[in-house]
Amino acid sequence: MATPTQRRTSSSRKRRASHAALSPIRTTTCPKCKKPKLPHHACSFCGYHHKTTLPKKVRVKKSVKPGKDRERKDREKKEAKKQEKQV
């Protein structure tokens, strides 16, 4: 495999990495319930979007992934067992 012929200078490295920065998520407030929501999207809490409200079965709330939820429950069980052993 080829190797670089010259070392990349610190200023060159910083200029290259300057475009990799993450920007914060921009949110707006829902005019109906005043909760934060993404712009140009329906509110995930009340379903309001541009003078209309979506029915409840159409609204989708983001929830914890099933695998992550199971990991959390397993962790809580282990902590409970440790506490029982200490008592």
Protein backbone atom coordinates (compact mmCIF):
# COMPACT_ATOMS: atom_id res chain seq x y z
CA MET A 1 0.00 0.00 0.00
CA ALA A 2 1.26 3.47 -0.82
CA THR A 3 2.44 5.80 1.91
CA PRO A 4 2.26 9.61 1.88
CA THR A 5 5.42 11.24 0.60
CA GLN A 6 5.08 14.31 2.79
CA ARG A 7 3.60 14.94 6.18
CA ARG A 8 0.27 16.78 6.30
CA THR A 9 0.85 20.08 8.12
CA SER A 10 -1.28 21.04 11.11
CA SER A 11 -2.90 23.95 9.25
CA SER A 12 -3.74 21.71 6.30
CA ARG A 13 -5.20 19.11 8.64
CA LYS A 14 -7.35 21.72 10.39
CA ARG A 15 -8.58 23.16 7.08
CA ARG A 16 -9.57 19.69 5.91
CA ALA A 17 -11.40 18.92 9.16
CA SER A 18 -13.22 22.26 9.28
CA HIS A 19 -16.14 20.88 7.23
CA ALA A 20 -16.69 17.89 9.53
CA ALA A 21 -18.22 19.91 12.38
CA LEU A 22 -21.75 19.00 13.48
CA SER A 23 -24.37 21.72 13.65
CA PRO A 24 -27.04 21.81 16.38
CA ILE A 25 -30.56 20.65 15.51
CA ARG A 26 -32.75 23.64 14.76
CA THR A 27 -36.18 23.42 16.32
CA THR A 28 -39.25 25.62 16.38
CA THR A 29 -42.14 25.67 18.81
CA CYS A 30 -45.54 24.26 18.01
CA PRO A 31 -48.07 27.13 17.92
CA LYS A 32 -50.74 24.93 19.48
CA CYS A 33 -49.00 23.10 22.37
CA LYS A 34 -45.75 25.15 22.56
CA LYS A 35 -43.52 22.05 22.54
CA PRO A 36 -40.36 21.92 20.38
CA LYS A 37 -40.73 20.40 16.90
CA LEU A 38 -38.75 20.19 13.70
CA PRO A 39 -39.49 22.92 11.17
CA HIS A 40 -41.77 21.88 8.26
CA HIS A 41 -42.91 18.76 10.19
CA ALA A 42 -46.02 17.89 12.13
CA CYS A 43 -45.76 18.18 15.91
CA SER A 44 -45.03 14.71 17.35
CA PHE A 45 -46.99 15.52 20.52
CA CYS A 46 -50.28 17.01 19.29
CA GLY A 47 -50.08 16.34 15.52
CA TYR A 48 -50.65 19.97 14.51
CA HIS A 49 -49.25 21.06 11.14
CA HIS A 50 -50.23 24.15 9.14
CA LYS A 51 -53.82 24.67 10.31
CA THR A 52 -54.62 20.93 10.46
CA THR A 53 -54.32 18.25 13.12
CA LEU A 54 -53.36 14.70 12.21
CA PRO A 55 -55.43 11.83 13.64
CA LYS A 56 -53.85 9.91 16.53
CA LYS A 57 -53.26 6.70 14.56
CA VAL A 58 -51.27 8.63 11.91
CA ARG A 59 -49.02 10.34 14.47
CA VAL A 60 -45.82 8.48 15.15
CA LYS A 61 -43.87 9.15 18.30
CA LYS A 62 -40.27 8.06 18.30
CA SER A 63 -39.79 5.51 21.03
CA VAL A 64 -36.87 3.60 22.44
CA LYS A 65 -35.71 0.75 20.25
CA PRO A 66 -36.79 -2.67 21.57
CA GLY A 67 -33.20 -3.85 21.98
CA LYS A 68 -32.20 -0.78 23.97
CA ASP A 69 -35.26 -1.12 26.21
CA ARG A 70 -34.39 -4.76 26.94
CA GLU A 71 -30.79 -3.81 27.77
CA ARG A 72 -32.03 -1.18 30.21
CA LYS A 73 -34.37 -3.66 31.92
CA ASP A 74 -31.56 -6.24 32.18
CA ARG A 75 -29.30 -3.61 33.72
CA GLU A 76 -31.97 -2.70 36.28
CA LYS A 77 -32.43 -6.39 37.20
CA LYS A 78 -28.68 -6.81 37.73
CA GLU A 79 -28.56 -3.72 39.94
CA ALA A 80 -31.50 -5.02 41.99
CA LYS A 81 -29.75 -8.39 42.47
CA LYS A 82 -26.56 -6.63 43.61
CA GLN A 83 -28.52 -4.63 46.15
CA GLU A 84 -30.19 -7.80 47.47
CA LYS A 85 -26.80 -9.47 47.89
CA GLN A 86 -25.41 -6.48 49.80
CA VAL A 87 -28.33 -6.50 52.27
